N, C-alpha and C. Protein backbone atom coordinates (compact mmCIF):
# COMPACT_ATOMS: atom_id res chain seq x y z
N UNK A 1 34.97 74.90 105.09
CA UNK A 1 36.07 74.57 105.97
C UNK A 1 35.90 75.36 107.31
N UNK A 2 35.90 74.72 108.42
CA UNK A 2 35.72 75.37 109.70
C UNK A 2 37.05 76.09 110.04
N UNK A 3 36.91 77.27 110.73
CA UNK A 3 38.10 77.94 111.31
C UNK A 3 38.30 77.61 112.73
N UNK A 4 39.51 77.33 113.07
CA UNK A 4 39.92 77.13 114.44
C UNK A 4 40.78 78.35 114.95
N UNK A 5 40.47 78.92 116.07
CA UNK A 5 41.18 80.00 116.64
C UNK A 5 41.84 79.51 117.97
N UNK A 6 43.13 79.48 118.01
CA UNK A 6 43.82 79.00 119.20
C UNK A 6 44.76 80.09 119.66
N UNK A 7 44.58 80.58 120.93
CA UNK A 7 45.49 81.62 121.42
C UNK A 7 46.96 81.19 121.45
N UNK A 8 47.83 82.16 121.07
CA UNK A 8 49.30 81.89 121.07
C UNK A 8 49.97 83.03 121.95
N UNK A 9 50.52 82.66 123.04
CA UNK A 9 51.10 83.56 123.99
C UNK A 9 52.66 83.61 123.88
N UNK A 10 53.21 84.79 124.17
CA UNK A 10 54.64 84.93 124.25
C UNK A 10 55.11 85.23 125.64
N UNK A 11 56.14 84.49 126.07
CA UNK A 11 56.67 84.72 127.44
C UNK A 11 58.17 85.15 127.35
N UNK A 12 58.66 85.59 128.43
CA UNK A 12 60.02 86.06 128.52
C UNK A 12 60.95 85.10 129.26
N UNK A 13 60.91 83.83 128.82
CA UNK A 13 61.75 82.87 129.43
C UNK A 13 61.20 81.79 130.20
N UNK A 14 59.82 81.92 130.53
CA UNK A 14 59.17 80.95 131.36
C UNK A 14 57.95 80.30 130.68
N UNK A 15 57.98 80.19 129.36
CA UNK A 15 56.84 79.65 128.64
C UNK A 15 56.59 78.16 129.01
N UNK A 16 57.73 77.33 129.09
CA UNK A 16 57.54 75.96 129.47
C UNK A 16 56.84 75.76 130.81
N UNK A 17 57.33 76.61 131.83
CA UNK A 17 56.77 76.48 133.18
C UNK A 17 55.35 76.95 133.21
N UNK A 18 55.00 78.03 132.52
CA UNK A 18 53.60 78.51 132.51
C UNK A 18 52.72 77.51 131.80
N UNK A 19 53.13 76.97 130.68
CA UNK A 19 52.28 76.10 129.89
C UNK A 19 52.08 74.75 130.58
N UNK A 20 53.06 74.26 131.30
CA UNK A 20 52.84 72.96 132.08
C UNK A 20 51.87 73.36 133.20
N UNK A 21 51.95 74.50 133.85
CA UNK A 21 51.01 74.93 134.86
C UNK A 21 49.58 75.01 134.24
N UNK A 22 49.40 75.60 133.10
CA UNK A 22 48.09 75.71 132.50
C UNK A 22 47.58 74.30 132.17
N UNK A 23 48.43 73.40 131.61
CA UNK A 23 48.00 72.01 131.32
C UNK A 23 47.44 71.39 132.60
N UNK A 24 48.14 71.52 133.70
CA UNK A 24 47.72 70.90 134.99
C UNK A 24 46.41 71.51 135.42
N UNK A 25 46.27 72.81 135.53
CA UNK A 25 45.17 73.53 136.01
C UNK A 25 43.90 73.29 135.06
N UNK A 26 44.11 73.34 133.78
CA UNK A 26 42.89 73.23 132.87
C UNK A 26 42.63 71.80 132.42
N UNK A 27 43.42 70.82 132.93
CA UNK A 27 43.14 69.44 132.57
C UNK A 27 43.56 69.13 131.17
N UNK A 28 44.51 69.89 130.69
CA UNK A 28 45.03 69.66 129.37
C UNK A 28 46.35 68.79 129.32
N UNK A 29 46.89 68.66 128.19
CA UNK A 29 48.04 67.81 128.01
C UNK A 29 49.10 68.51 127.04
N UNK A 30 50.36 68.60 127.52
CA UNK A 30 51.35 69.09 126.65
C UNK A 30 51.58 68.14 125.49
N UNK A 31 51.27 68.56 124.25
CA UNK A 31 51.41 67.64 123.15
C UNK A 31 52.59 67.86 122.36
N UNK A 32 53.32 68.95 122.46
CA UNK A 32 54.52 69.27 121.77
C UNK A 32 55.26 70.32 122.45
N UNK A 33 56.66 70.20 122.53
CA UNK A 33 57.51 71.20 123.14
C UNK A 33 58.81 71.14 122.39
N UNK A 34 59.31 72.29 121.89
CA UNK A 34 60.57 72.40 121.19
C UNK A 34 61.34 73.59 121.73
N UNK A 35 62.60 73.37 122.06
CA UNK A 35 63.45 74.50 122.49
C UNK A 35 64.12 75.11 121.20
N UNK A 36 64.69 76.34 121.32
CA UNK A 36 65.39 76.91 120.20
C UNK A 36 66.62 76.08 119.91
N UNK A 37 67.21 75.52 120.91
CA UNK A 37 68.40 74.76 120.71
C UNK A 37 68.26 73.60 119.67
N UNK A 38 69.00 73.53 118.66
CA UNK A 38 68.87 72.47 117.70
C UNK A 38 67.87 72.73 116.60
N UNK A 39 67.22 73.88 116.69
CA UNK A 39 66.31 74.35 115.60
C UNK A 39 66.98 75.12 114.45
N UNK A 40 66.60 74.83 113.29
CA UNK A 40 67.30 75.60 112.17
C UNK A 40 67.16 77.07 112.29
N UNK A 41 68.26 77.77 111.95
CA UNK A 41 68.30 79.16 112.04
C UNK A 41 68.57 79.79 113.44
N UNK A 42 68.80 78.94 114.46
CA UNK A 42 69.09 79.42 115.75
C UNK A 42 70.53 79.30 116.19
N UNK A 43 71.42 79.00 115.32
CA UNK A 43 72.82 78.70 115.65
C UNK A 43 73.52 79.89 116.33
N UNK A 44 73.06 81.13 116.02
CA UNK A 44 73.76 82.30 116.57
C UNK A 44 73.19 82.82 117.82
N UNK A 45 72.15 82.17 118.37
CA UNK A 45 71.49 82.58 119.65
C UNK A 45 72.42 82.40 120.77
N UNK A 46 72.22 83.21 121.78
CA UNK A 46 72.91 83.03 123.04
C UNK A 46 72.61 81.68 123.71
N UNK A 47 73.50 81.18 124.55
CA UNK A 47 73.17 79.90 125.30
C UNK A 47 71.92 80.03 126.12
N UNK A 48 71.71 81.23 126.71
CA UNK A 48 70.55 81.42 127.55
C UNK A 48 69.26 81.31 126.69
N UNK A 49 69.23 81.96 125.52
CA UNK A 49 68.13 81.89 124.69
C UNK A 49 67.83 80.57 124.02
N UNK A 50 68.94 79.83 123.75
CA UNK A 50 68.74 78.49 123.14
C UNK A 50 67.97 77.59 124.08
N UNK A 51 68.05 77.81 125.33
CA UNK A 51 67.34 76.93 126.32
C UNK A 51 65.88 77.32 126.45
N UNK A 52 65.54 78.40 125.83
CA UNK A 52 64.07 78.86 125.90
C UNK A 52 63.24 78.09 124.99
N UNK A 53 61.99 78.09 125.14
CA UNK A 53 60.97 77.40 124.36
C UNK A 53 60.64 78.12 123.06
N UNK A 54 60.92 77.36 121.93
CA UNK A 54 60.58 77.96 120.63
C UNK A 54 59.08 77.77 120.36
N UNK A 55 58.45 76.66 120.78
CA UNK A 55 57.01 76.38 120.60
C UNK A 55 56.56 75.30 121.58
N UNK A 56 55.48 75.53 122.21
CA UNK A 56 54.85 74.57 123.06
C UNK A 56 53.30 74.60 122.84
N UNK A 57 52.65 73.43 122.85
CA UNK A 57 51.24 73.33 122.51
C UNK A 57 50.65 72.52 123.60
N UNK A 58 49.52 72.99 124.16
CA UNK A 58 48.80 72.27 125.16
C UNK A 58 47.39 71.93 124.53
N UNK A 59 47.02 70.72 124.45
CA UNK A 59 45.77 70.31 123.97
C UNK A 59 44.74 70.44 125.16
N UNK A 60 43.63 71.07 124.82
CA UNK A 60 42.59 71.31 125.90
C UNK A 60 41.38 70.53 125.68
N UNK A 61 41.48 69.65 124.65
CA UNK A 61 40.31 68.84 124.27
C UNK A 61 39.35 69.56 123.31
N UNK A 62 38.46 68.89 122.67
CA UNK A 62 37.53 69.50 121.73
C UNK A 62 38.27 70.29 120.64
N UNK A 63 39.33 69.83 120.19
CA UNK A 63 40.18 70.47 119.15
C UNK A 63 40.65 71.87 119.53
N UNK A 64 40.69 72.16 120.79
CA UNK A 64 41.17 73.51 121.22
C UNK A 64 42.61 73.32 121.81
N UNK A 65 43.45 74.39 121.56
CA UNK A 65 44.76 74.36 122.11
C UNK A 65 45.14 75.71 122.63
N UNK A 66 46.07 75.72 123.48
CA UNK A 66 46.74 76.95 123.96
C UNK A 66 48.18 76.79 123.59
N UNK A 67 48.71 77.72 122.84
CA UNK A 67 50.07 77.61 122.35
C UNK A 67 50.93 78.75 122.86
N UNK A 68 52.27 78.57 122.86
CA UNK A 68 53.14 79.67 123.31
C UNK A 68 54.60 79.49 122.86
N UNK A 69 55.38 80.57 123.07
CA UNK A 69 56.77 80.42 122.87
C UNK A 69 57.41 81.52 123.80
N UNK A 70 58.72 81.44 123.96
CA UNK A 70 59.52 82.47 124.66
C UNK A 70 59.92 83.43 123.59
N UNK A 71 60.28 84.67 124.04
CA UNK A 71 60.68 85.66 123.05
C UNK A 71 61.99 85.38 122.44
N UNK A 72 62.78 84.51 122.95
CA UNK A 72 64.02 84.14 122.27
C UNK A 72 65.04 85.24 122.11
N UNK A 73 65.01 86.18 122.97
CA UNK A 73 65.91 87.38 122.88
C UNK A 73 65.38 88.51 122.21
N UNK A 74 64.20 88.38 121.60
CA UNK A 74 63.57 89.53 120.99
C UNK A 74 62.98 90.40 122.12
N UNK A 75 62.78 91.71 121.88
CA UNK A 75 62.31 92.55 122.95
C UNK A 75 60.95 92.03 123.45
N UNK A 76 60.74 92.09 124.77
CA UNK A 76 59.43 91.50 125.38
C UNK A 76 58.91 92.65 126.26
N UNK A 77 57.68 93.07 125.96
CA UNK A 77 57.09 94.14 126.68
C UNK A 77 55.81 93.69 127.48
N UNK A 78 55.70 92.42 127.61
CA UNK A 78 54.53 91.89 128.30
C UNK A 78 53.40 91.70 127.27
N UNK A 79 52.19 91.32 127.84
CA UNK A 79 51.02 91.14 127.01
C UNK A 79 50.10 92.25 127.33
N UNK A 80 49.57 92.97 126.33
CA UNK A 80 48.56 94.03 126.54
C UNK A 80 47.38 93.91 125.64
N UNK A 81 46.16 94.01 126.16
CA UNK A 81 45.00 94.12 125.34
C UNK A 81 44.47 92.74 124.97
N UNK A 82 44.82 91.73 125.70
CA UNK A 82 44.27 90.39 125.42
C UNK A 82 43.99 89.70 126.71
N UNK A 83 42.81 89.12 126.81
CA UNK A 83 42.38 88.32 127.96
C UNK A 83 41.84 87.00 127.41
N UNK A 84 42.20 85.93 128.07
CA UNK A 84 41.66 84.65 127.83
C UNK A 84 40.36 84.39 128.54
N UNK A 85 39.40 83.87 127.86
CA UNK A 85 38.02 83.73 128.57
C UNK A 85 37.72 82.23 128.68
N UNK A 86 37.38 81.88 129.88
CA UNK A 86 37.00 80.45 130.15
C UNK A 86 35.56 80.38 130.54
N UNK A 87 34.84 79.35 130.06
CA UNK A 87 33.41 79.20 130.45
C UNK A 87 33.25 77.79 130.98
N UNK A 88 32.56 77.65 132.11
CA UNK A 88 32.32 76.37 132.71
C UNK A 88 30.81 76.30 133.08
N UNK A 89 30.19 75.24 132.80
CA UNK A 89 28.72 75.02 133.10
C UNK A 89 28.63 74.92 134.60
N UNK A 90 29.55 74.46 135.38
CA UNK A 90 29.51 74.29 136.78
C UNK A 90 30.17 75.45 137.52
N UNK A 91 29.47 76.03 138.49
CA UNK A 91 30.01 77.06 139.34
C UNK A 91 31.23 76.44 140.13
N UNK A 92 31.09 75.29 140.58
CA UNK A 92 32.14 74.60 141.39
C UNK A 92 33.39 74.42 140.59
N UNK A 93 33.25 73.91 139.37
CA UNK A 93 34.41 73.69 138.53
C UNK A 93 35.10 74.99 138.17
N UNK A 94 34.33 75.99 137.75
CA UNK A 94 34.81 77.38 137.40
C UNK A 94 35.50 78.00 138.60
N UNK A 95 34.92 77.72 139.76
CA UNK A 95 35.54 78.42 140.98
C UNK A 95 36.88 77.72 141.25
N UNK A 96 36.99 76.47 141.11
CA UNK A 96 38.19 75.67 141.36
C UNK A 96 39.26 76.17 140.44
N UNK A 97 38.96 76.28 139.09
CA UNK A 97 39.90 76.71 138.07
C UNK A 97 40.33 78.15 138.31
N UNK A 98 39.40 79.04 138.65
CA UNK A 98 39.67 80.41 138.94
C UNK A 98 40.66 80.51 140.12
N UNK A 99 40.40 79.76 141.19
CA UNK A 99 41.30 79.88 142.39
C UNK A 99 42.64 79.35 142.06
N UNK A 100 42.82 78.31 141.25
CA UNK A 100 44.07 77.76 140.91
C UNK A 100 44.86 78.74 140.03
N UNK A 101 44.25 79.38 139.06
CA UNK A 101 44.90 80.35 138.19
C UNK A 101 45.27 81.61 139.04
N UNK A 102 44.53 81.98 140.02
CA UNK A 102 44.76 83.20 140.84
C UNK A 102 45.93 83.01 141.76
N UNK A 103 46.29 81.74 142.10
CA UNK A 103 47.28 81.48 143.12
C UNK A 103 48.68 82.13 142.66
N UNK A 104 49.15 83.03 143.36
CA UNK A 104 50.40 83.69 143.11
C UNK A 104 50.13 84.85 142.17
N UNK A 105 48.97 85.12 141.73
CA UNK A 105 48.62 86.21 140.89
C UNK A 105 47.81 87.25 141.52
N UNK A 106 46.95 87.89 140.72
CA UNK A 106 46.17 89.04 141.28
C UNK A 106 44.76 88.95 140.77
N UNK A 107 43.83 88.84 141.70
CA UNK A 107 42.36 88.90 141.28
C UNK A 107 42.06 90.33 140.98
N UNK A 108 41.53 90.65 139.80
CA UNK A 108 41.11 92.00 139.52
C UNK A 108 39.61 92.13 139.61
N UNK A 109 38.87 91.04 139.58
CA UNK A 109 37.37 91.13 139.98
C UNK A 109 37.06 89.75 140.59
N UNK A 110 36.64 89.77 141.79
CA UNK A 110 36.27 88.46 142.46
C UNK A 110 35.09 87.82 141.77
N UNK A 111 35.07 86.47 141.83
CA UNK A 111 33.98 85.73 141.20
C UNK A 111 32.66 86.15 142.02
N UNK A 112 31.69 86.65 141.21
CA UNK A 112 30.36 87.06 141.81
C UNK A 112 29.30 86.94 140.75
N UNK A 113 28.06 86.98 141.20
CA UNK A 113 26.94 86.92 140.32
C UNK A 113 26.88 88.20 139.48
N UNK A 114 26.46 88.01 138.26
CA UNK A 114 26.27 89.11 137.31
C UNK A 114 24.89 89.01 136.71
N UNK A 115 24.55 89.86 135.86
CA UNK A 115 23.26 89.83 135.19
C UNK A 115 23.31 88.78 134.09
N UNK A 116 24.52 88.40 133.61
CA UNK A 116 24.59 87.44 132.45
C UNK A 116 24.91 86.08 132.82
N UNK A 117 25.49 85.77 133.95
CA UNK A 117 25.89 84.43 134.37
C UNK A 117 25.96 84.29 135.87
N UNK A 118 25.81 83.08 136.43
CA UNK A 118 25.83 82.89 137.85
C UNK A 118 27.08 83.44 138.57
N UNK A 119 28.24 83.29 137.94
CA UNK A 119 29.51 83.82 138.51
C UNK A 119 30.41 84.30 137.32
N UNK A 120 31.06 85.40 137.57
CA UNK A 120 32.02 86.01 136.69
C UNK A 120 33.14 86.56 137.46
N UNK A 121 34.39 86.46 137.03
CA UNK A 121 35.53 87.05 137.71
C UNK A 121 36.70 87.21 136.75
N UNK A 122 37.60 88.08 137.16
CA UNK A 122 38.80 88.29 136.29
C UNK A 122 40.09 88.29 137.18
N UNK A 123 41.15 87.89 136.57
CA UNK A 123 42.44 87.76 137.31
C UNK A 123 43.56 87.87 136.32
N UNK A 124 44.77 88.18 136.90
CA UNK A 124 46.02 88.10 136.08
C UNK A 124 46.84 87.14 136.92
N UNK A 125 47.26 86.01 136.23
CA UNK A 125 47.98 84.98 136.88
C UNK A 125 49.40 85.32 137.16
N UNK A 126 50.18 84.43 137.79
CA UNK A 126 51.55 84.73 138.22
C UNK A 126 52.55 84.84 137.00
N UNK A 127 51.98 84.49 135.78
CA UNK A 127 52.77 84.63 134.53
C UNK A 127 52.39 85.81 133.75
N UNK A 128 51.47 86.70 134.21
CA UNK A 128 51.10 87.84 133.57
C UNK A 128 49.96 87.65 132.58
N UNK A 129 49.32 86.49 132.47
CA UNK A 129 48.25 86.33 131.58
C UNK A 129 46.91 86.67 132.26
N UNK A 130 46.09 87.40 131.51
CA UNK A 130 44.85 87.86 132.01
C UNK A 130 43.72 86.81 131.64
N UNK A 131 42.91 86.52 132.65
CA UNK A 131 41.86 85.59 132.44
C UNK A 131 40.41 86.18 132.82
N UNK A 132 39.34 85.76 132.22
CA UNK A 132 38.10 85.94 132.57
C UNK A 132 37.42 84.67 132.79
N UNK A 133 36.60 84.52 133.79
CA UNK A 133 35.84 83.27 134.09
C UNK A 133 34.38 83.53 134.17
N UNK A 134 33.63 82.78 133.27
CA UNK A 134 32.20 82.70 133.32
C UNK A 134 31.86 81.34 133.72
N UNK A 135 30.99 81.18 134.77
CA UNK A 135 30.61 79.83 135.09
C UNK A 135 29.21 79.87 135.69
N UNK A 136 28.53 78.68 135.43
CA UNK A 136 27.18 78.50 135.89
C UNK A 136 26.26 78.83 134.77
N UNK A 137 24.94 78.90 135.13
CA UNK A 137 23.85 79.08 134.25
C UNK A 137 23.81 80.46 133.75
N UNK A 138 23.38 80.65 132.47
CA UNK A 138 23.21 81.98 131.82
C UNK A 138 22.03 82.68 132.60
N UNK A 139 22.19 83.95 132.86
CA UNK A 139 21.08 84.68 133.40
C UNK A 139 20.37 85.49 132.36
N UNK A 140 20.85 85.44 131.11
CA UNK A 140 20.20 86.21 130.00
C UNK A 140 18.89 85.53 129.61
N UNK A 141 17.95 86.31 129.18
CA UNK A 141 16.66 85.76 128.65
C UNK A 141 16.93 85.05 127.34
N UNK A 142 16.19 84.01 127.03
CA UNK A 142 16.40 83.26 125.86
C UNK A 142 16.06 84.18 124.66
N UNK A 143 16.86 84.08 123.64
CA UNK A 143 16.71 84.86 122.37
C UNK A 143 15.72 84.14 121.45
N UNK A 144 14.88 84.89 120.74
CA UNK A 144 13.91 84.27 119.78
C UNK A 144 14.66 83.57 118.67
């Protein structure tokens, strides 16, 4: 049985907005979205938290998904120690995606040539998600 690993992000009230943005930028599709409101076990939540997203899933093709939820009133301290890595065969496509994700965020390393790939860069988007971008041809020697 093959293992599938899909990132699951937590947001502080803007999961739906962020995930719809990621679907648009990454060419994915929101395949499921559920608010806390109306979900079992959520009857005692505040009105504010009931309107938050309990679960949202974006299909990215090739059986890959990016999933998320809001904190729903639980303490939220941001995301630490995780970066989502994207790889594109085309420098042009990778650059377009990098620039779209960087809009309103912060580039921490501009896209530039490295010893391992034609272009590599890092950023934190406007939602606080860290991304790495590898694009173009591998610069590494072929392994035996």
